Each structure stands twice: as C-alpha cells, then as structure tokens.
C-alpha cells in the first residue's frame, strides 16, 4: 500500500500550526490574565509548553521538507 505524499505534508502542517498555537498561547506569560502570583510550578509548566510547541514546529517542518524533497532521504537497500 502506498500512502500519498500529501498526507505527510498535511500531518506536518497540522504539527506546525498546533505547535505554534501551543507555544504562543500556553507557553508565554500574560500578566493581564494572571490572577495569582507566578509560582515556580507555573513557570515550569509554561516552559514545558513552549519547548514542546517549538519541538512540534521543528518536527512538522522537517516532515514537510522531507516529503517535498528539499531534504533528500537516504535510498533503501
């Protein structure tokens, strides 16, 4: 069974969009929405959201570039 390349491009685009959304919405501090003081646990949670959001962006871009042929894949045996 052969999976069409557009499938992998779509998965990569979804990863980029949701990674950017996660990093921008959950990964940054907004003082207007903070009702309580910033605790170390909340800072760690924000940092984790930011790191994993950026990781999803990088993985999605890699998948798109690999699928479109910008990054050559190794030939099989």
PDB file of N, CA and C in Angstrom:
ATOM      1  N   UNK A   1       0.841  -1.173   0.000  1.00  0.00           N
ATOM      2  CA  UNK A   1       0.000   0.000   0.000  1.00  0.00           C
ATOM      3  C   UNK A   1       0.884   1.233   0.000  1.00  0.00           C
ATOM      4  N   UNK A   2       0.577   2.166  -0.839  1.00  0.00           N
ATOM      5  CA  UNK A   2       1.361   3.387  -0.950  1.00  0.00           C
ATOM      6  C   UNK A   2       0.545   4.569  -0.429  1.00  0.00           C
ATOM      7  N   UNK A   3       1.126   5.305   0.499  1.00  0.00           N
ATOM      8  CA  UNK A   3       0.452   6.469   1.073  1.00  0.00           C
ATOM      9  C   UNK A   3       0.866   7.693   0.251  1.00  0.00           C
ATOM     10  N   UNK A   4      -0.096   8.516  -0.174  1.00  0.00           N
ATOM     11  CA  UNK A   4       0.261   9.687  -0.978  1.00  0.00           C
ATOM     12  C   UNK A   4       1.045  10.715  -0.157  1.00  0.00           C
ATOM     13  N   UNK A   5       1.978  11.431  -0.796  1.00  0.00           N
ATOM     14  CA  UNK A   5       2.804  12.402  -0.069  1.00  0.00           C
ATOM     15  C   UNK A   5       2.011  13.562   0.537  1.00  0.00           C
ATOM     16  N   UNK A   6       0.864  13.878  -0.031  1.00  0.00           N
ATOM     17  CA  UNK A   6       0.070  14.981   0.516  1.00  0.00           C
ATOM     18  C   UNK A   6      -0.367  14.679   1.949  1.00  0.00           C
ATOM     19  N   UNK A   7      -0.500  13.412   2.274  1.00  0.00           N
ATOM     20  CA  UNK A   7      -0.864  13.016   3.634  1.00  0.00           C
ATOM     21  C   UNK A   7       0.198  13.477   4.625  1.00  0.00           C
ATOM     22  N   UNK A   8       1.469  13.246   4.288  1.00  0.00           N
ATOM     23  CA  UNK A   8       2.555  13.633   5.186  1.00  0.00           C
ATOM     24  C   UNK A   8       2.725  15.151   5.240  1.00  0.00           C
ATOM     25  N   UNK A   9       2.473  15.823   4.135  1.00  0.00           N
ATOM     26  CA  UNK A   9       2.512  17.291   4.145  1.00  0.00           C
ATOM     27  C   UNK A   9       1.410  17.852   5.045  1.00  0.00           C
ATOM     28  N   UNK A  10       0.233  17.234   4.985  1.00  0.00           N
ATOM     29  CA  UNK A  10      -0.873  17.683   5.829  1.00  0.00           C
ATOM     30  C   UNK A  10      -0.570  17.438   7.305  1.00  0.00           C
ATOM     31  N   UNK A  11      -0.005  16.288   7.627  1.00  0.00           N
ATOM     32  CA  UNK A  11       0.365  15.994   9.020  1.00  0.00           C
ATOM     33  C   UNK A  11       1.413  16.998   9.503  1.00  0.00           C
ATOM     34  N   UNK A  12       2.396  17.301   8.661  1.00  0.00           N
ATOM     35  CA  UNK A  12       3.414  18.284   9.016  1.00  0.00           C
ATOM     36  C   UNK A  12       2.822  19.667   9.228  1.00  0.00           C
ATOM     37  N   UNK A  13       1.884  20.061   8.372  1.00  0.00           N
ATOM     38  CA  UNK A  13       1.241  21.372   8.525  1.00  0.00           C
ATOM     39  C   UNK A  13       0.430  21.436   9.814  1.00  0.00           C
ATOM     40  N   UNK A  14      -0.265  20.359  10.135  1.00  0.00           N
ATOM     41  CA  UNK A  14      -1.034  20.319  11.385  1.00  0.00           C
ATOM     42  C   UNK A  14      -0.093  20.430  12.579  1.00  0.00           C
ATOM     43  N   UNK A  15       1.048  19.749  12.525  1.00  0.00           N
ATOM     44  CA  UNK A  15       2.013  19.829  13.625  1.00  0.00           C
ATOM     45  C   UNK A  15       2.558  21.242  13.775  1.00  0.00           C
ATOM     46  N   UNK A  16       2.829  21.919  12.664  1.00  0.00           N
ATOM     47  CA  UNK A  16       3.345  23.289  12.728  1.00  0.00           C
ATOM     48  C   UNK A  16       2.301  24.227  13.324  1.00  0.00           C
ATOM     49  N   UNK A  17       1.067  24.113  12.868  1.00  0.00           N
ATOM     50  CA  UNK A  17       0.013  25.017  13.352  1.00  0.00           C
ATOM     51  C   UNK A  17      -0.259  24.806  14.837  1.00  0.00           C
ATOM     52  N   UNK A  18      -0.434  23.553  15.234  1.00  0.00           N
ATOM     53  CA  UNK A  18      -0.734  23.311  16.642  1.00  0.00           C
ATOM     54  C   UNK A  18       0.474  23.540  17.550  1.00  0.00           C
ATOM     55  N   UNK A  19       1.678  23.324  17.050  1.00  0.00           N
ATOM     56  CA  UNK A  19       2.871  23.632  17.837  1.00  0.00           C
ATOM     57  C   UNK A  19       3.014  25.130  18.062  1.00  0.00           C
ATOM     58  N   UNK A  20       2.749  25.906  17.014  1.00  0.00           N
ATOM     59  CA  UNK A  20       2.816  27.365  17.154  1.00  0.00           C
ATOM     60  C   UNK A  20       1.731  27.868  18.097  1.00  0.00           C
ATOM     61  N   UNK A  21       0.550  27.296  17.979  1.00  0.00           N
ATOM     62  CA  UNK A  21      -0.543  27.686  18.878  1.00  0.00           C
ATOM     63  C   UNK A  21      -0.197  27.356  20.318  1.00  0.00           C
ATOM     64  N   UNK A  22       0.361  26.176  20.537  1.00  0.00           N
ATOM     65  CA  UNK A  22       0.726  25.772  21.897  1.00  0.00           C
ATOM     66  C   UNK A  22       1.812  26.673  22.464  1.00  0.00           C
ATOM     67  N   UNK A  23       2.818  26.979  21.648  1.00  0.00           N
ATOM     68  CA  UNK A  23       3.918  27.805  22.135  1.00  0.00           C
ATOM     69  C   UNK A  23       3.458  29.235  22.417  1.00  0.00           C
ATOM     70  N   UNK A  24       2.609  29.775  21.559  1.00  0.00           N
ATOM     71  CA  UNK A  24       2.194  31.165  21.738  1.00  0.00           C
ATOM     72  C   UNK A  24       1.115  31.346  22.797  1.00  0.00           C
ATOM     73  N   UNK A  25       0.180  30.424  22.868  1.00  0.00           N
ATOM     74  CA  UNK A  25      -0.931  30.591  23.804  1.00  0.00           C
ATOM     75  C   UNK A  25      -0.581  30.081  25.195  1.00  0.00           C
ATOM     76  N   UNK A  26      -0.027  28.887  25.273  1.00  0.00           N
ATOM     77  CA  UNK A  26       0.235  28.284  26.580  1.00  0.00           C
ATOM     78  C   UNK A  26       1.647  28.518  27.088  1.00  0.00           C
ATOM     79  N   UNK A  27       2.571  28.888  26.202  1.00  0.00           N
ATOM     80  CA  UNK A  27       3.961  28.981  26.598  1.00  0.00           C
ATOM     81  C   UNK A  27       4.457  30.343  26.996  1.00  0.00           C
ATOM     82  N   UNK A  28       3.606  31.349  26.955  1.00  0.00           N
ATOM     83  CA  UNK A  28       4.098  32.671  27.347  1.00  0.00           C
ATOM     84  C   UNK A  28       3.265  33.223  28.497  1.00  0.00           C
ATOM     85  N   UNK A  29       3.873  34.115  29.219  1.00  0.00           N
ATOM     86  CA  UNK A  29       3.221  34.693  30.384  1.00  0.00           C
ATOM     87  C   UNK A  29       2.460  35.938  29.975  1.00  0.00           C
ATOM     88  N   UNK A  30       1.219  36.023  30.414  1.00  0.00           N
ATOM     89  CA  UNK A  30       0.403  37.201  30.172  1.00  0.00           C
ATOM     90  C   UNK A  30      -0.022  37.755  31.531  1.00  0.00           C
ATOM     91  N   UNK A  31       0.497  38.894  31.853  1.00  0.00           N
ATOM     92  CA  UNK A  31       0.215  39.455  33.171  1.00  0.00           C
ATOM     93  C   UNK A  31      -1.239  39.869  33.307  1.00  0.00           C
ATOM     94  N   UNK A  32      -1.902  40.169  32.200  1.00  0.00           N
ATOM     95  CA  UNK A  32      -3.305  40.571  32.283  1.00  0.00           C
ATOM     96  C   UNK A  32      -4.200  39.401  32.712  1.00  0.00           C
ATOM     97  N   UNK A  33      -3.777  38.173  32.429  1.00  0.00           N
ATOM     98  CA  UNK A  33      -4.582  37.005  32.788  1.00  0.00           C
ATOM     99  C   UNK A  33      -4.140  36.375  34.100  1.00  0.00           C
ATOM    100  N   UNK A  34      -3.052  36.815  34.663  1.00  0.00           N
ATOM    101  CA  UNK A  34      -2.551  36.248  35.918  1.00  0.00           C
ATOM    102  C   UNK A  34      -3.342  36.838  37.083  1.00  0.00           C
ATOM    103  N   UNK A  35      -4.048  35.992  37.782  1.00  0.00           N
ATOM    104  CA  UNK A  35      -4.785  36.444  38.955  1.00  0.00           C
ATOM    105  C   UNK A  35      -3.975  36.241  40.222  1.00  0.00           C
ATOM    106  N   UNK A  36      -3.186  35.208  40.219  1.00  0.00           N
ATOM    107  CA  UNK A  36      -2.363  34.900  41.383  1.00  0.00           C
ATOM    108  C   UNK A  36      -0.909  35.163  41.051  1.00  0.00           C
ATOM    109  N   UNK A  37      -0.072  35.064  42.046  1.00  0.00           N
ATOM    110  CA  UNK A  37       1.357  35.246  41.826  1.00  0.00           C
ATOM    111  C   UNK A  37       1.904  34.113  40.971  1.00  0.00           C
ATOM    112  N   UNK A  38       2.985  34.405  40.274  1.00  0.00           N
ATOM    113  CA  UNK A  38       3.621  33.394  39.446  1.00  0.00           C
ATOM    114  C   UNK A  38       4.443  32.473  40.337  1.00  0.00           C
ATOM    115  N   UNK A  39       4.143  31.200  40.289  1.00  0.00           N
ATOM    116  CA  UNK A  39       4.849  30.227  41.106  1.00  0.00           C
ATOM    117  C   UNK A  39       5.860  29.478  40.243  1.00  0.00           C
ATOM    118  N   UNK A  40       6.844  28.849  40.854  1.00  0.00           N
ATOM    119  CA  UNK A  40       7.801  28.061  40.072  1.00  0.00           C
ATOM    120  C   UNK A  40       7.142  26.913  39.302  1.00  0.00           C
ATOM    121  N   UNK A  41       6.083  26.341  39.847  1.00  0.00           N
ATOM    122  CA  UNK A  41       5.389  25.256  39.143  1.00  0.00           C
ATOM    123  C   UNK A  41       4.736  25.765  37.857  1.00  0.00           C
ATOM    124  N   UNK A  42       4.138  26.943  37.917  1.00  0.00           N
ATOM    125  CA  UNK A  42       3.528  27.524  36.714  1.00  0.00           C
ATOM    126  C   UNK A  42       4.590  27.915  35.701  1.00  0.00           C
ATOM    127  N   UNK A  43       5.719  28.416  36.176  1.00  0.00           N
ATOM    128  CA  UNK A  43       6.802  28.780  35.260  1.00  0.00           C
ATOM    129  C   UNK A  43       7.343  27.538  34.554  1.00  0.00           C
ATOM    130  N   UNK A  44       7.467  26.437  35.274  1.00  0.00           N
ATOM    131  CA  UNK A  44       7.944  25.194  34.673  1.00  0.00           C
ATOM    132  C   UNK A  44       6.936  24.669  33.653  1.00  0.00           C
ATOM    133  N   UNK A  45       5.663  24.762  33.965  1.00  0.00           N
ATOM    134  CA  UNK A  45       4.622  24.319  33.047  1.00  0.00           C
ATOM    135  C   UNK A  45       4.634  25.158  31.767  1.00  0.00           C
ATOM    136  N   UNK A  46       4.788  26.475  31.902  1.00  0.00           N
ATOM    137  CA  UNK A  46       4.873  27.348  30.720  1.00  0.00           C
ATOM    138  C   UNK A  46       6.092  27.018  29.883  1.00  0.00           C
ATOM    139  N   UNK A  47       7.224  26.782  30.536  1.00  0.00           N
ATOM    140  CA  UNK A  47       8.442  26.437  29.813  1.00  0.00           C
ATOM    141  C   UNK A  47       8.277  25.119  29.052  1.00  0.00           C
ATOM    142  N   UNK A  48       7.625  24.143  29.678  1.00  0.00           N
ATOM    143  CA  UNK A  48       7.380  22.863  29.002  1.00  0.00           C
ATOM    144  C   UNK A  48       6.486  23.046  27.778  1.00  0.00           C
ATOM    145  N   UNK A  49       5.439  23.856  27.900  1.00  0.00           N
ATOM    146  CA  UNK A  49       4.572  24.121  26.751  1.00  0.00           C
ATOM    147  C   UNK A  49       5.353  24.807  25.633  1.00  0.00           C
ATOM    148  N   UNK A  50       6.201  25.738  25.993  1.00  0.00           N
ATOM    149  CA  UNK A  50       6.990  26.447  24.989  1.00  0.00           C
ATOM    150  C   UNK A  50       7.963  25.499  24.290  1.00  0.00           C
ATOM    151  N   UNK A  51       8.670  24.688  25.057  1.00  0.00           N
ATOM    152  CA  UNK A  51       9.661  23.769  24.484  1.00  0.00           C
ATOM    153  C   UNK A  51       8.991  22.747  23.570  1.00  0.00           C
ATOM    154  N   UNK A  52       7.907  22.147  24.025  1.00  0.00           N
ATOM    155  CA  UNK A  52       7.261  21.125  23.207  1.00  0.00           C
ATOM    156  C   UNK A  52       6.514  21.735  22.020  1.00  0.00           C
ATOM    157  N   UNK A  53       6.051  22.970  22.147  1.00  0.00           N
ATOM    158  CA  UNK A  53       5.469  23.647  20.993  1.00  0.00           C
ATOM    159  C   UNK A  53       6.505  23.884  19.913  1.00  0.00           C
ATOM    160  N   UNK A  54       7.683  24.334  20.302  1.00  0.00           N
ATOM    161  CA  UNK A  54       8.766  24.542  19.340  1.00  0.00           C
ATOM    162  C   UNK A  54       9.221  23.208  18.757  1.00  0.00           C
ATOM    163  N   UNK A  55       9.255  22.167  19.567  1.00  0.00           N
ATOM    164  CA  UNK A  55       9.621  20.839  19.078  1.00  0.00           C
ATOM    165  C   UNK A  55       8.632  20.346  18.015  1.00  0.00           C
ATOM    166  N   UNK A  56       7.346  20.571  18.228  1.00  0.00           N
ATOM    167  CA  UNK A  56       6.348  20.185  17.228  1.00  0.00           C
ATOM    168  C   UNK A  56       6.515  20.994  15.941  1.00  0.00           C
ATOM    169  N   UNK A  57       6.862  22.260  16.058  1.00  0.00           N
ATOM    170  CA  UNK A  57       7.093  23.081  14.869  1.00  0.00           C
ATOM    171  C   UNK A  57       8.271  22.533  14.067  1.00  0.00           C
ATOM    172  N   UNK A  58       9.356  22.225  14.750  1.00  0.00           N
ATOM    173  CA  UNK A  58      10.551  21.707  14.070  1.00  0.00           C
ATOM    174  C   UNK A  58      10.263  20.355  13.426  1.00  0.00           C
ATOM    175  N   UNK A  59       9.574  19.463  14.135  1.00  0.00           N
ATOM    176  CA  UNK A  59       9.261  18.155  13.568  1.00  0.00           C
ATOM    177  C   UNK A  59       8.321  18.281  12.371  1.00  0.00           C
ATOM    178  N   UNK A  60       7.346  19.172  12.451  1.00  0.00           N
ATOM    179  CA  UNK A  60       6.435  19.377  11.329  1.00  0.00           C
ATOM    180  C   UNK A  60       7.145  19.941  10.111  1.00  0.00           C
ATOM    181  N   UNK A  61       8.038  20.913  10.330  1.00  0.00           N
ATOM    182  CA  UNK A  61       8.802  21.477   9.204  1.00  0.00           C
ATOM    183  C   UNK A  61       9.714  20.419   8.591  1.00  0.00           C
ATOM    184  N   UNK A  62      10.329  19.591   9.407  1.00  0.00           N
ATOM    185  CA  UNK A  62      11.175  18.518   8.901  1.00  0.00           C
ATOM    186  C   UNK A  62      10.360  17.544   8.055  1.00  0.00           C
ATOM    187  N   UNK A  63       9.178  17.184   8.515  1.00  0.00           N
ATOM    188  CA  UNK A  63       8.324  16.269   7.769  1.00  0.00           C
ATOM    189  C   UNK A  63       7.904  16.875   6.433  1.00  0.00           C
ATOM    190  N   UNK A  64       7.570  18.150   6.422  1.00  0.00           N
ATOM    191  CA  UNK A  64       7.185  18.817   5.172  1.00  0.00           C
ATOM    192  C   UNK A  64       8.368  18.875   4.216  1.00  0.00           C
ATOM    193  N   UNK A  65       9.533  19.276   4.713  1.00  0.00           N
ATOM    194  CA  UNK A  65      10.704  19.386   3.844  1.00  0.00           C
ATOM    195  C   UNK A  65      11.159  18.027   3.327  1.00  0.00           C
ATOM    196  N   UNK A  66      11.044  17.005   4.139  1.00  0.00           N
ATOM    197  CA  UNK A  66      11.418  15.663   3.710  1.00  0.00           C
ATOM    198  C   UNK A  66      10.446  15.128   2.653  1.00  0.00           C
ATOM    199  N   UNK A  67       9.179  15.394   2.835  1.00  0.00           N
ATOM    200  CA  UNK A  67       8.166  14.919   1.897  1.00  0.00           C
ATOM    201  C   UNK A  67       8.257  15.629   0.551  1.00  0.00           C
ATOM    202  N   UNK A  68       8.538  16.930   0.567  1.00  0.00           N
ATOM    203  CA  UNK A  68       8.602  17.679  -0.689  1.00  0.00           C
ATOM    204  C   UNK A  68       9.917  17.469  -1.424  1.00  0.00           C
ATOM    205  N   UNK A  69      10.900  16.856  -0.799  1.00  0.00           N
ATOM    206  CA  UNK A  69      12.154  16.560  -1.468  1.00  0.00           C
ATOM    207  C   UNK A  69      13.232  17.599  -1.269  1.00  0.00           C
ATOM    208  N   UNK A  70      13.003  18.594  -0.450  1.00  0.00           N
ATOM    209  CA  UNK A  70      14.036  19.598  -0.157  1.00  0.00           C
ATOM    210  C   UNK A  70      15.177  18.952   0.605  1.00  0.00           C
ATOM    211  N   UNK A  71      14.849  18.090   1.546  1.00  0.00           N
ATOM    212  CA  UNK A  71      15.847  17.307   2.258  1.00  0.00           C
ATOM    213  C   UNK A  71      15.829  15.909   1.633  1.00  0.00           C
ATOM    214  N   UNK A  72      16.924  15.490   1.023  1.00  0.00           N
ATOM    215  CA  UNK A  72      16.910  14.170   0.378  1.00  0.00           C
ATOM    216  C   UNK A  72      16.903  13.049   1.420  1.00  0.00           C
ATOM    217  N   UNK A  73      16.123  12.022   1.134  1.00  0.00           N
ATOM    218  CA  UNK A  73      16.108  10.871   2.033  1.00  0.00           C
ATOM    219  C   UNK A  73      17.133   9.849   1.559  1.00  0.00           C
ATOM    220  N   UNK A  74      17.579   9.016   2.471  1.00  0.00           N
ATOM    221  CA  UNK A  74      18.573   8.003   2.110  1.00  0.00           C
ATOM    222  C   UNK A  74      17.891   6.919   1.283  1.00  0.00           C
ATOM    223  N   UNK A  75      18.553   6.436   0.261  1.00  0.00           N
ATOM    224  CA  UNK A  75      17.966   5.339  -0.527  1.00  0.00           C
ATOM    225  C   UNK A  75      17.976   4.045   0.273  1.00  0.00           C
ATOM    226  N   UNK A  76      16.962   3.248   0.066  1.00  0.00           N
ATOM    227  CA  UNK A  76      16.852   1.967   0.767  1.00  0.00           C
ATOM    228  C   UNK A  76      17.779   0.925   0.166  1.00  0.00           C
ATOM    229  N   UNK A  77      17.931  -0.212   0.851  1.00  0.00           N
ATOM    230  CA  UNK A  77      18.838  -1.271   0.352  1.00  0.00           C
ATOM    231  C   UNK A  77      18.308  -1.971  -0.872  1.00  0.00           C
TER     232      UNK A  77
END
